[in-house]
Amino acid sequence: MASPASVEVDVVVVGAGLSGLSAAYELTKRDPSLRVAVLEAKDRVGGRTLTTTLKAAGGEDVWDLGGQWVGRTQVHIMALLQELGLEVYSQYNKGKKYMKLGNNKIKTYVSDIPTLPIWALLDLHFFLKKIDHMSTKVPIEDPYKCQYAEEWDSVTVEDFKQEHCWTKAAMEAIDCAVLVMFGVDCSQISLLYFLAYNNAAGGIKALTESSEGAGQEFKVKGGTQQISQLLAEKVGKQNIYLNNPVMTVTQDDTQVLITTTTGDVFRCSRAIFTTMPQQTASVQFNPSLPLEKLELFKRMPAGCIVKFIITYQNTFWRDAGFSGEIVTCGRTKTGEDGPLGVVFDATSPNGNPALVGFVAAKQAVKWSCDEASKRKAAVLSGIAEFLGPQAEECLDYVEQNWGEEPYTLGGPVSPATTGCMAYFTAGLRQPFNRIHFGGTESATVWCGFMNGAVQAGTRTAIEVLYHLRPQAVATEELRQSAYCPASTWPQKKRKVKRHKILKWTLGFGVLTCLALVARRTYIKYID
């Protein structure tokens, strides 16, 4: 993978994460004669996926420190996994679950109904029902076409929560979900963006559960980074240029010239950027990027999240009848602010016991300032409050602070702040002359997830093929691209199921909450 001083190809893909490699793979699969180069700033492929080896009860095993969950409704990633011959296994969620919200008392529950006070359950139910209904009014292809777009983009999720929730426990449940999903708190996210994100997943139920058909239904045997590694092999490792951060991009009517910080020069007909918005904005473009892109990228900073894996000799929580799922606002039994957000079972498909958890947003910032040993001790003691002293007797412990990851600088996604959604579609998806833009943030199906990365990568490949190999593109495939007239966007109206019980699992699959049958006057946005 040594970089030559000068390379001339048909297409340059910037970013060797799941989106960039999906784009490169789609291009070379459809026309092997296409010359494709993939530039990656890091010393590895995989982007926001990262698989590591830890000590385990059976010796050693692998776990994911980045994205890890998939579901059967995520058709793009599931199809790719099948094509690559990779298998999945179910997320374990059987047994009692733990919760500590509101009054700071630890409670357990075994059904889909957590032990929140009845008014908090009703409060949360109506809030989530309202969010789902409002989401159906926000077209993910262009959220600003929603009739309430300007109003909803002027308020944060926090503003909306304060106006429509009245119990502390319900508010904290919402806070916990947002923290883990986005790596920021509710005050940093545009309500319109949140609704669009929710709609892209098919609703809160699909977005947050680990049950059948939801987004956190399965994990990938062997880890998710191998998806990118296998794609790199198919594209050709000789075409992957690691340790090559892009510095400048110059384009004219005939070509794109890309220069990296190593001094290497790549000349191509078309380029695809799949980097996170803030990273794309750090590149010097000539001519400059359109102002709508720059304004959007500035207002989509990456979240802040730390993910940890803890391995054990045995699944003592399962033996005691617990699922390993914990949701907490972070307060310890002494009332201090601890690091924990959510935790759940991470036992490998080989049966090696483990737990996984997240420290997000302000908690991540605060605890990242402490020494690693102190942070580890706080995490283990926090879990021990729920699962008992055995939680502190681990075999191995590792954490990944995505805010410190070079050329990523945060995660899990880059949510939009208020006042920028008018630029959302043009900013994220519209090509800039010969340059196309992907990445999971730009997806219209499961954006923010690995599925979104694959969908966006495939879309950018279709756009490039439209110019370079039009015979390789079917008309139907253009409907999801930048070359589809707005009037022909597929109009799919999602039906919101009216459940008597709404199971709501926090973040990546942790919190479940009650949906009680009740009538209430809808707010003005509900017809």
Protein backbone atom coordinates (compact mmCIF):
# COMPACT_ATOMS: atom_id res chain seq x y z
CA MET A 1 0.00 0.00 0.00
CA ALA A 2 2.93 2.36 -0.49
CA SER A 3 1.92 5.67 -2.01
CA PRO A 4 3.48 6.69 -5.33
CA ALA A 5 4.31 10.33 -5.97
CA SER A 6 1.65 10.70 -8.66
CA VAL A 7 -1.40 8.63 -9.57
CA GLU A 8 -3.89 9.03 -12.40
CA VAL A 9 -7.18 7.16 -12.08
CA ASP A 10 -10.82 7.47 -13.07
CA VAL A 11 -12.20 7.92 -9.55
CA VAL A 12 -10.70 8.87 -6.19
CA VAL A 13 -12.65 7.94 -3.07
CA VAL A 14 -11.70 9.86 0.07
CA GLY A 15 -12.25 7.79 3.19
CA ALA A 16 -11.68 4.05 3.66
CA GLY A 17 -14.54 3.56 6.05
CA LEU A 18 -17.63 1.54 5.29
CA SER A 19 -19.17 4.21 3.05
CA GLY A 20 -16.05 4.90 1.01
CA LEU A 21 -15.18 1.26 0.49
CA SER A 22 -18.80 0.46 -0.40
CA ALA A 23 -18.58 3.13 -3.10
CA ALA A 24 -15.26 1.81 -4.40
CA TYR A 25 -16.52 -1.77 -4.38
CA GLU A 26 -19.70 -0.85 -6.25
CA LEU A 27 -17.68 0.97 -8.91
CA THR A 28 -15.22 -1.85 -9.52
CA LYS A 29 -17.90 -4.52 -9.34
CA ARG A 30 -19.97 -2.88 -12.05
CA ASP A 31 -17.01 -2.13 -14.27
CA PRO A 32 -13.67 -3.77 -13.40
CA SER A 33 -11.96 -1.56 -15.99
CA LEU A 34 -12.56 1.53 -13.84
CA ARG A 35 -9.41 2.69 -12.10
CA VAL A 36 -10.28 3.55 -8.51
CA ALA A 37 -8.02 4.84 -5.72
CA VAL A 38 -9.12 5.09 -2.08
CA LEU A 39 -7.37 7.63 0.15
CA GLU A 40 -7.38 7.16 3.91
CA ALA A 41 -5.84 9.50 6.48
CA LYS A 42 -5.48 6.80 9.15
CA ASP A 43 -3.22 3.77 9.19
CA ARG A 44 -6.19 1.42 8.92
CA VAL A 45 -9.45 0.89 7.08
CA GLY A 46 -12.82 0.76 8.82
CA GLY A 47 -13.63 4.35 9.77
CA ARG A 48 -16.00 4.30 12.72
CA THR A 49 -15.78 0.52 12.99
CA LEU A 50 -12.93 -0.89 15.04
CA THR A 51 -12.50 -4.49 16.21
CA THR A 52 -10.05 -5.38 18.97
CA THR A 53 -8.76 -8.53 20.67
CA LEU A 54 -9.14 -8.93 24.44
CA LYS A 55 -8.37 -11.52 27.10
CA ALA A 56 -11.36 -13.79 27.50
CA ALA A 57 -12.55 -16.77 29.48
CA GLY A 58 -11.61 -18.98 26.54
CA GLY A 59 -8.23 -17.32 26.01
CA GLU A 60 -8.79 -14.46 23.56
CA ASP A 61 -11.70 -13.15 21.51
CA VAL A 62 -12.70 -10.09 19.50
CA TRP A 63 -15.15 -7.27 20.25
CA ASP A 64 -16.25 -4.10 18.49
CA LEU A 65 -15.23 -0.71 19.86
CA GLY A 66 -17.14 1.12 17.14
CA GLY A 67 -20.37 0.45 15.28
CA GLN A 68 -21.60 -3.09 15.84
CA TRP A 69 -25.37 -3.51 15.53
CA VAL A 70 -27.43 -4.40 12.48
CA GLY A 71 -31.03 -5.46 11.93
CA ARG A 72 -33.03 -7.29 9.30
CA THR A 73 -34.78 -4.07 8.26
CA GLN A 74 -31.39 -2.58 7.39
CA VAL A 75 -31.45 -4.05 3.92
CA HIS A 76 -28.26 -2.49 2.54
CA ILE A 77 -25.88 -3.72 5.22
CA MET A 78 -27.62 -7.09 5.52
CA ALA A 79 -27.29 -7.67 1.76
CA LEU A 80 -23.61 -6.75 1.91
CA LEU A 81 -22.98 -9.09 4.84
CA GLN A 82 -24.58 -11.92 2.89
CA GLU A 83 -22.53 -11.08 -0.19
CA LEU A 84 -19.33 -11.14 1.87
CA GLY A 85 -20.28 -14.40 3.57
CA LEU A 86 -20.45 -12.93 7.08
CA GLU A 87 -22.81 -14.23 9.75
CA VAL A 88 -24.76 -12.46 12.47
CA TYR A 89 -25.97 -13.45 15.94
CA SER A 90 -28.68 -12.04 18.16
CA GLN A 91 -28.19 -9.40 20.83
CA TYR A 92 -28.86 -11.02 24.21
CA ASN A 93 -31.69 -9.32 26.13
CA LYS A 94 -33.29 -12.01 28.29
CA GLY A 95 -33.78 -11.65 32.03
CA LYS A 96 -34.24 -8.78 34.47
CA LYS A 97 -33.18 -5.28 33.46
CA TYR A 98 -31.91 -2.46 35.64
CA MET A 99 -32.91 1.18 35.64
CA LYS A 100 -32.00 4.19 37.76
CA LEU A 101 -33.78 7.39 36.76
CA GLY A 102 -35.70 10.17 38.46
CA ASN A 103 -35.48 9.42 42.19
CA ASN A 104 -32.06 7.71 41.80
CA LYS A 105 -33.35 4.39 43.14
CA ILE A 106 -32.28 1.19 41.41
CA LYS A 107 -35.24 -0.75 40.06
CA THR A 108 -35.60 -3.97 38.12
CA TYR A 109 -38.22 -5.27 35.74
CA VAL A 110 -38.68 -8.41 33.68
CA SER A 111 -41.40 -7.46 31.21
CA ASP A 112 -41.52 -4.77 28.57
CA ILE A 113 -42.84 -2.41 31.25
CA PRO A 114 -40.12 -0.73 33.34
CA THR A 115 -40.81 0.21 36.92
CA LEU A 116 -41.22 3.93 36.36
CA PRO A 117 -44.04 5.71 38.16
CA ILE A 118 -47.30 5.45 36.21
CA TRP A 119 -47.33 9.17 35.39
CA ALA A 120 -43.78 8.97 34.08
CA LEU A 121 -44.73 6.00 31.89
CA LEU A 122 -47.70 7.85 30.48
CA ASP A 123 -45.60 10.95 30.00
CA LEU A 124 -42.92 9.04 28.10
CA HIS A 125 -45.46 7.15 26.03
CA PHE A 126 -47.23 10.27 24.82
CA PHE A 127 -43.95 12.02 24.08
CA LEU A 128 -42.64 9.15 21.94
CA LYS A 129 -45.98 8.77 20.20
CA LYS A 130 -45.90 12.48 19.39
CA ILE A 131 -42.33 12.22 18.06
CA ASP A 132 -43.27 9.31 15.81
CA HIS A 133 -46.28 11.12 14.40
CA MET A 134 -44.37 14.31 13.75
CA SER A 135 -41.57 12.32 12.10
CA THR A 136 -43.91 11.07 9.41
CA LYS A 137 -44.35 14.68 8.32
CA VAL A 138 -40.61 15.11 7.68
CA PRO A 139 -39.43 13.71 4.32
CA ILE A 140 -35.92 12.38 4.83
CA GLU A 141 -35.07 13.12 1.17
CA ASP A 142 -35.43 16.81 2.01
CA PRO A 143 -36.52 17.54 5.60
CA TYR A 144 -36.99 21.23 4.84
CA LYS A 145 -39.97 20.40 2.63
CA CYS A 146 -41.91 19.70 5.81
CA GLN A 147 -44.56 22.37 6.30
CA TYR A 148 -43.29 23.00 9.84
CA ALA A 149 -39.60 22.89 8.88
CA GLU A 150 -38.64 26.43 9.81
CA GLU A 151 -40.38 26.25 13.17
CA TRP A 152 -39.04 22.81 14.11
CA ASP A 153 -35.51 23.75 13.01
CA SER A 154 -35.57 26.77 15.30
CA VAL A 155 -35.98 24.71 18.48
CA THR A 156 -33.85 22.01 20.06
CA VAL A 157 -34.95 18.60 21.26
CA GLU A 158 -34.42 20.00 24.76
CA ASP A 159 -36.85 22.86 24.09
CA PHE A 160 -39.44 20.42 22.81
CA LYS A 161 -38.89 18.01 25.69
CA GLN A 162 -39.31 20.75 28.29
CA GLU A 163 -42.54 21.87 26.66
CA HIS A 164 -44.11 18.44 26.27
CA CYS A 165 -42.78 16.37 29.21
CA TRP A 166 -43.58 17.01 32.84
CA THR A 167 -41.92 14.17 34.81
CA LYS A 168 -38.24 13.97 35.70
CA ALA A 169 -37.99 10.24 34.99
CA ALA A 170 -39.41 10.59 31.47
CA MET A 171 -37.08 13.50 30.73
CA GLU A 172 -34.06 11.55 31.94
CA ALA A 173 -35.07 8.53 29.86
CA ILE A 174 -35.15 10.74 26.77
CA ASP A 175 -31.82 12.31 27.75
CA CYS A 176 -30.16 8.90 28.09
CA ALA A 177 -31.38 7.81 24.66
CA VAL A 178 -30.21 10.97 22.92
CA LEU A 179 -26.82 10.92 24.64
CA VAL A 180 -25.99 7.43 23.40
CA MET A 181 -27.53 7.80 19.94
CA PHE A 182 -25.83 11.08 19.10
CA GLY A 183 -23.05 11.70 21.62
CA VAL A 184 -24.53 15.10 22.51
CA ASP A 185 -27.31 16.23 24.80
CA CYS A 186 -30.78 17.34 23.75
CA SER A 187 -29.88 21.03 23.75
CA GLN A 188 -27.44 20.52 20.87
CA ILE A 189 -29.79 18.92 18.33
CA SER A 190 -32.30 20.50 15.99
CA LEU A 191 -35.76 19.05 16.52
CA LEU A 192 -36.22 18.87 12.74
CA TYR A 193 -32.99 16.88 12.38
CA PHE A 194 -34.06 14.52 15.17
CA LEU A 195 -37.40 13.90 13.48
CA ALA A 196 -35.75 13.27 10.11
CA TYR A 197 -33.27 10.88 11.72
CA ASN A 198 -36.12 9.05 13.40
CA ASN A 199 -38.07 8.81 10.16
CA ALA A 200 -35.06 7.41 8.30
CA ALA A 201 -35.09 4.46 10.71
CA GLY A 202 -38.84 3.91 10.51
CA GLY A 203 -39.72 5.34 13.93
CA ILE A 204 -38.62 5.21 17.56
CA LYS A 205 -39.49 1.55 17.96
CA ALA A 206 -37.23 0.51 15.09
CA LEU A 207 -34.56 3.04 15.96
CA THR A 208 -34.03 2.08 19.58
CA GLU A 209 -34.99 -1.55 20.14
CA SER A 210 -33.02 -4.78 20.05
CA SER A 211 -36.08 -6.88 19.27
CA GLU A 212 -36.92 -8.58 15.99
CA GLY A 213 -36.77 -6.16 13.08
CA ALA A 214 -35.17 -3.34 15.06
CA GLY A 215 -31.83 -1.65 14.48
CA GLN A 216 -29.93 -3.42 17.25
CA GLU A 217 -31.21 -6.91 16.54
CA PHE A 218 -27.92 -8.56 15.55
CA LYS A 219 -24.15 -8.33 15.87
CA VAL A 220 -21.61 -9.56 13.33
CA LYS A 221 -19.56 -12.65 14.07
CA GLY A 222 -15.90 -11.71 14.00
CA GLY A 223 -16.60 -7.98 14.32
CA THR A 224 -17.62 -5.25 11.91
CA GLN A 225 -14.21 -3.92 10.91
CA GLN A 226 -13.72 -7.02 8.80
CA ILE A 227 -16.47 -5.72 6.49
CA SER A 228 -14.16 -2.90 5.42
CA GLN A 229 -11.17 -5.22 5.35
CA LEU A 230 -12.96 -7.61 2.99
CA LEU A 231 -14.12 -4.74 0.79
CA ALA A 232 -10.54 -3.46 0.64
CA GLU A 233 -9.42 -6.86 -0.60
CA LYS A 234 -12.07 -6.82 -3.31
CA VAL A 235 -11.15 -3.30 -4.40
CA GLY A 236 -7.48 -4.30 -4.30
CA LYS A 237 -5.16 -3.41 -1.44
CA GLN A 238 -2.79 -1.87 -3.96
CA ASN A 239 -5.52 0.72 -4.60
CA ILE A 240 -5.87 1.70 -0.92
CA TYR A 241 -3.54 4.50 0.15
CA LEU A 242 -3.28 4.67 3.94
CA ASN A 243 -1.68 7.51 5.89
CA ASN A 244 -2.68 9.95 3.14
CA PRO A 245 -4.74 12.81 4.60
CA VAL A 246 -6.20 14.99 1.86
CA MET A 247 -4.96 18.56 2.00
CA THR A 248 -6.20 20.31 -1.16
CA VAL A 249 -8.71 19.59 -3.91
CA THR A 250 -8.66 21.53 -7.17
CA GLN A 251 -11.15 20.91 -9.94
CA ASP A 252 -11.93 22.36 -13.35
CA ASP A 253 -14.12 21.36 -16.28
CA THR A 254 -12.07 18.28 -17.09
CA GLN A 255 -10.53 16.83 -13.94
CA VAL A 256 -10.03 16.80 -10.18
CA LEU A 257 -6.57 17.17 -8.65
CA ILE A 258 -6.15 15.93 -5.08
CA THR A 259 -3.00 16.56 -3.05
CA THR A 260 -2.32 14.83 0.26
CA THR A 261 -0.19 16.00 3.18
CA THR A 262 2.50 13.54 2.07
CA GLY A 263 2.87 15.48 -1.18
CA ASP A 264 1.30 12.75 -3.29
CA VAL A 265 -0.92 13.91 -6.15
CA PHE A 266 -3.99 12.07 -7.45
CA ARG A 267 -5.59 13.06 -10.74
CA CYS A 268 -9.08 11.80 -11.57
CA SER A 269 -12.25 12.45 -13.52
CA ARG A 270 -14.56 12.20 -10.48
CA ALA A 271 -14.05 12.23 -6.72
CA ILE A 272 -16.16 10.94 -3.85
CA PHE A 273 -15.87 12.29 -0.29
CA THR A 274 -17.22 9.99 2.44
CA THR A 275 -15.57 11.69 5.42
CA MET A 276 -17.53 13.17 8.32
CA PRO A 277 -18.84 16.71 7.66
CA GLN A 278 -16.36 18.48 9.92
CA GLN A 279 -13.46 16.59 8.33
CA THR A 280 -14.61 17.44 4.81
CA ALA A 281 -14.80 21.11 5.83
CA SER A 282 -11.15 21.02 6.92
CA VAL A 283 -9.97 20.33 3.35
CA GLN A 284 -9.03 23.27 1.13
CA PHE A 285 -11.17 23.23 -2.03
CA ASN A 286 -10.46 25.30 -5.12
CA PRO A 287 -12.90 26.61 -6.12
CA SER A 288 -14.33 26.80 -2.62
CA LEU A 289 -17.21 24.61 -1.57
CA PRO A 290 -20.65 26.23 -1.95
CA LEU A 291 -21.60 28.29 1.07
CA GLU A 292 -24.58 26.05 1.85
CA LYS A 293 -22.21 23.11 2.29
CA LEU A 294 -19.78 25.07 4.43
CA GLU A 295 -22.55 26.43 6.63
CA LEU A 296 -24.01 22.96 7.14
CA PHE A 297 -20.66 21.30 7.83
CA LYS A 298 -19.86 23.90 10.49
CA ARG A 299 -23.14 23.09 12.22
CA MET A 300 -22.72 19.30 12.20
CA PRO A 301 -19.91 18.62 14.68
CA ALA A 302 -19.32 15.03 15.72
CA GLY A 303 -20.68 13.90 19.06
CA CYS A 304 -18.51 12.83 21.98
CA ILE A 305 -18.62 9.19 23.03
CA VAL A 306 -16.48 6.63 24.82
CA LYS A 307 -17.24 2.95 24.38
CA PHE A 308 -15.88 0.31 26.76
CA ILE A 309 -15.72 -3.48 26.73
CA ILE A 310 -15.24 -5.53 29.91
CA THR A 311 -14.56 -9.27 29.78
CA TYR A 312 -15.26 -11.76 32.57
CA GLN A 313 -14.66 -15.36 33.51
CA ASN A 314 -18.39 -16.13 33.59
CA THR A 315 -21.75 -14.53 32.85
CA PHE A 316 -22.61 -14.03 36.51
CA TRP A 317 -25.44 -11.63 35.59
CA ARG A 318 -27.13 -14.25 33.42
CA ASP A 319 -26.67 -16.85 36.14
CA ALA A 320 -28.51 -14.50 38.51
CA GLY A 321 -31.35 -14.01 36.02
CA PHE A 322 -30.31 -10.60 34.68
CA SER A 323 -29.95 -9.53 31.06
CA GLY A 324 -26.97 -7.28 31.74
CA GLU A 325 -28.94 -4.24 30.54
CA ILE A 326 -28.57 -1.10 32.60
CA VAL A 327 -29.82 2.40 31.96
CA THR A 328 -28.84 5.20 34.27
CA CYS A 329 -28.47 8.95 34.23
CA GLY A 330 -25.00 8.47 35.74
CA ARG A 331 -25.64 9.40 39.35
CA THR A 332 -23.97 7.11 41.87
CA LYS A 333 -25.59 5.91 45.08
CA THR A 334 -23.90 8.81 46.87
CA GLY A 335 -25.43 11.29 44.43
CA GLU A 336 -22.21 12.06 42.56
CA ASP A 337 -21.97 12.19 38.77
CA GLY A 338 -20.60 8.88 37.54
CA PRO A 339 -19.58 7.95 34.00
CA LEU A 340 -22.22 5.34 33.21
CA GLY A 341 -24.95 5.84 30.64
CA VAL A 342 -26.00 2.47 29.29
CA VAL A 343 -24.58 -1.04 29.66
CA PHE A 344 -25.60 -4.40 28.30
CA ASP A 345 -24.50 -7.93 27.54
CA ALA A 346 -21.66 -8.25 25.02
CA THR A 347 -20.95 -11.96 25.33
CA SER A 348 -19.28 -13.15 22.13
CA PRO A 349 -20.74 -15.78 19.79
CA ASN A 350 -18.01 -18.08 21.15
CA GLY A 351 -19.55 -17.77 24.61
CA ASN A 352 -16.89 -15.51 26.13
CA PRO A 353 -18.63 -13.32 28.76
CA ALA A 354 -18.47 -9.55 28.40
CA LEU A 355 -20.34 -6.31 28.99
CA VAL A 356 -20.33 -3.22 26.80
CA GLY A 357 -21.25 0.32 27.72
CA PHE A 358 -21.07 3.96 26.76
CA VAL A 359 -20.04 7.24 28.33
CA ALA A 360 -21.40 10.10 26.26
CA ALA A 361 -21.50 13.87 25.81
CA LYS A 362 -20.74 15.90 28.96
CA GLN A 363 -19.96 12.77 30.96
CA ALA A 364 -17.44 11.72 28.31
CA VAL A 365 -15.79 15.13 28.35
CA LYS A 366 -15.60 15.22 32.14
CA TRP A 367 -14.30 11.71 32.64
CA SER A 368 -11.84 11.90 29.75
CA CYS A 369 -9.94 14.46 31.80
CA ASP A 370 -9.22 11.86 34.50
CA GLU A 371 -6.54 9.20 34.42
CA ALA A 372 -7.49 5.96 32.68
CA SER A 373 -7.16 3.97 35.92
CA LYS A 374 -9.58 6.28 37.75
CA ARG A 375 -12.05 6.13 34.86
CA LYS A 376 -11.89 2.33 34.79
CA ALA A 377 -12.45 2.12 38.54
CA ALA A 378 -15.46 4.43 38.29
CA VAL A 379 -16.99 2.37 35.48
CA LEU A 380 -16.50 -0.93 37.31
CA SER A 381 -17.81 0.39 40.64
CA GLY A 382 -20.77 1.93 38.83
CA ILE A 383 -21.69 -1.41 37.28
CA ALA A 384 -21.14 -3.14 40.62
CA GLU A 385 -23.92 -0.99 42.11
CA PHE A 386 -26.29 -2.90 39.84
CA LEU A 387 -24.73 -6.31 39.24
CA GLY A 388 -22.81 -6.81 42.48
CA PRO A 389 -19.11 -6.96 43.44
CA GLN A 390 -18.32 -9.58 40.77
CA ALA A 391 -18.55 -6.78 38.22
CA GLU A 392 -15.22 -5.44 39.50
CA GLU A 393 -13.45 -8.78 38.98
CA CYS A 394 -12.83 -8.52 35.25
CA LEU A 395 -10.36 -10.27 32.99
CA ASP A 396 -9.79 -7.34 30.67
CA TYR A 397 -10.98 -3.80 30.12
CA VAL A 398 -10.59 -1.55 27.09
CA GLU A 399 -12.15 1.71 26.06
CA GLN A 400 -12.23 3.73 22.87
CA ASN A 401 -12.57 7.49 23.15
CA TRP A 402 -13.75 8.47 19.68
CA GLY A 403 -13.12 12.12 20.42
CA GLU A 404 -9.40 11.31 20.52
CA GLU A 405 -9.44 9.18 17.36
CA PRO A 406 -7.36 10.95 14.68
CA TYR A 407 -9.35 12.14 11.66
CA THR A 408 -12.62 11.10 13.32
CA LEU A 409 -12.66 13.33 16.39
CA GLY A 410 -15.98 12.13 17.72
CA GLY A 411 -18.99 9.94 17.25
CA PRO A 412 -21.13 8.05 16.85
CA VAL A 413 -22.62 10.54 14.35
CA SER A 414 -22.61 14.25 13.46
CA PRO A 415 -26.03 15.65 14.44
CA ALA A 416 -27.24 18.99 13.11
CA THR A 417 -27.71 21.97 15.39
CA THR A 418 -30.59 24.41 14.99
CA GLY A 419 -30.92 26.73 12.02
CA CYS A 420 -29.09 24.75 9.35
CA MET A 421 -31.58 22.20 8.05
CA ALA A 422 -32.44 24.43 5.08
CA TYR A 423 -29.03 23.40 3.72
CA PHE A 424 -29.31 19.73 4.71
CA THR A 425 -30.04 18.04 1.39
CA ALA A 426 -27.89 20.28 -0.81
CA GLY A 427 -25.14 20.33 1.80
CA LEU A 428 -24.85 16.60 2.31
CA ARG A 429 -25.91 15.03 -1.00
CA GLN A 430 -25.69 17.52 -3.86
CA PRO A 431 -22.55 17.03 -6.01
CA PHE A 432 -20.19 19.97 -6.38
CA ASN A 433 -19.30 19.79 -10.05
CA ARG A 434 -17.08 16.69 -10.25
CA ILE A 435 -17.11 15.93 -6.53
CA HIS A 436 -19.74 13.71 -4.89
CA PHE A 437 -20.55 13.32 -1.20
CA GLY A 438 -21.41 10.21 0.82
CA GLY A 439 -21.04 9.06 4.41
CA THR A 440 -23.74 7.74 6.71
CA GLU A 441 -24.87 11.27 7.65
CA SER A 442 -26.07 11.71 4.05
CA ALA A 443 -28.14 8.51 3.91
CA THR A 444 -31.91 8.41 3.53
CA VAL A 445 -32.32 4.93 5.04
CA TRP A 446 -30.96 4.33 8.54
CA CYS A 447 -28.69 7.37 8.45
CA GLY A 448 -26.12 7.31 11.23
CA PHE A 449 -25.92 3.51 11.15
CA MET A 450 -23.70 1.16 9.15
CA ASN A 451 -26.63 0.63 6.83
CA GLY A 452 -26.65 4.33 6.05
CA ALA A 453 -22.94 4.21 5.27
CA VAL A 454 -23.47 1.42 2.73
CA GLN A 455 -26.52 3.08 1.17
CA ALA A 456 -24.74 6.42 0.81
CA GLY A 457 -21.64 4.78 -0.62
CA THR A 458 -23.70 2.94 -3.20
CA ARG A 459 -25.55 6.14 -4.09
CA THR A 460 -22.34 8.05 -4.78
CA ALA A 461 -21.09 5.18 -6.93
CA ILE A 462 -24.32 5.35 -8.95
CA GLU A 463 -23.85 9.09 -9.43
CA VAL A 464 -20.29 8.63 -10.69
CA LEU A 465 -21.30 5.76 -12.97
CA TYR A 466 -24.02 7.99 -14.40
CA HIS A 467 -21.22 10.16 -15.79
CA LEU A 468 -18.50 7.62 -16.53
CA ARG A 469 -20.41 4.41 -17.33
CA PRO A 470 -24.07 5.35 -17.91
CA GLN A 471 -24.79 1.95 -19.45
CA ALA A 472 -24.08 0.38 -16.03
CA VAL A 473 -26.86 2.33 -14.29
CA ALA A 474 -30.56 1.48 -14.40
CA THR A 475 -33.03 4.36 -14.50
CA GLU A 476 -34.65 3.14 -11.31
CA GLU A 477 -31.33 3.43 -9.47
CA LEU A 478 -31.18 7.15 -10.17
CA ARG A 479 -34.29 7.76 -8.10
CA GLN A 480 -32.25 7.78 -4.91
CA SER A 481 -29.43 9.87 -6.37
CA ALA A 482 -28.78 13.56 -6.92
CA TYR A 483 -29.91 13.14 -10.52
CA CYS A 484 -33.47 12.28 -9.62
CA PRO A 485 -35.95 15.17 -10.09
CA ALA A 486 -37.46 16.05 -6.73
CA SER A 487 -40.92 15.33 -8.05
CA THR A 488 -40.02 11.69 -8.63
CA TRP A 489 -38.67 10.90 -5.19
CA PRO A 490 -40.35 7.72 -3.96
CA GLN A 491 -43.14 8.76 -1.64
CA LYS A 492 -43.45 6.07 0.97
CA LYS A 493 -45.79 6.81 3.79
CA ARG A 494 -44.79 5.01 6.94
CA LYS A 495 -47.60 3.65 9.02
CA VAL A 496 -47.15 4.11 12.73
CA LYS A 497 -48.40 1.05 14.56
CA ARG A 498 -50.61 1.75 17.52
CA HIS A 499 -49.25 -0.62 20.13
CA LYS A 500 -50.83 -1.27 23.46
CA ILE A 501 -47.34 -1.76 24.75
CA LEU A 502 -44.47 0.17 23.21
CA LYS A 503 -41.11 -1.34 23.94
CA TRP A 504 -38.43 1.32 23.85
CA THR A 505 -34.82 0.25 24.22
CA LEU A 506 -32.38 3.06 24.95
CA GLY A 507 -29.72 4.07 22.50
CA PHE A 508 -28.34 0.89 20.97
CA GLY A 509 -30.93 -1.33 22.61
CA VAL A 510 -31.18 -0.77 26.31
CA LEU A 511 -34.28 0.99 27.69
CA THR A 512 -37.79 -0.44 27.26
CA CYS A 513 -40.81 1.61 28.16
CA LEU A 514 -44.56 1.21 28.47
CA ALA A 515 -47.12 2.25 25.89
CA LEU A 516 -50.46 2.43 27.72
CA VAL A 517 -53.75 2.74 25.87
CA ALA A 518 -55.09 6.21 26.53
CA ARG A 519 -56.66 9.14 24.74
CA ARG A 520 -55.25 12.59 24.73
CA THR A 521 -55.81 15.71 22.70
CA TYR A 522 -53.06 15.97 20.12
CA ILE A 523 -50.93 19.06 19.79
CA LYS A 524 -51.51 21.31 16.81
CA TYR A 525 -49.16 19.32 14.61
CA ILE A 526 -51.29 16.17 14.85
CA ASP A 527 -54.15 16.01 12.44
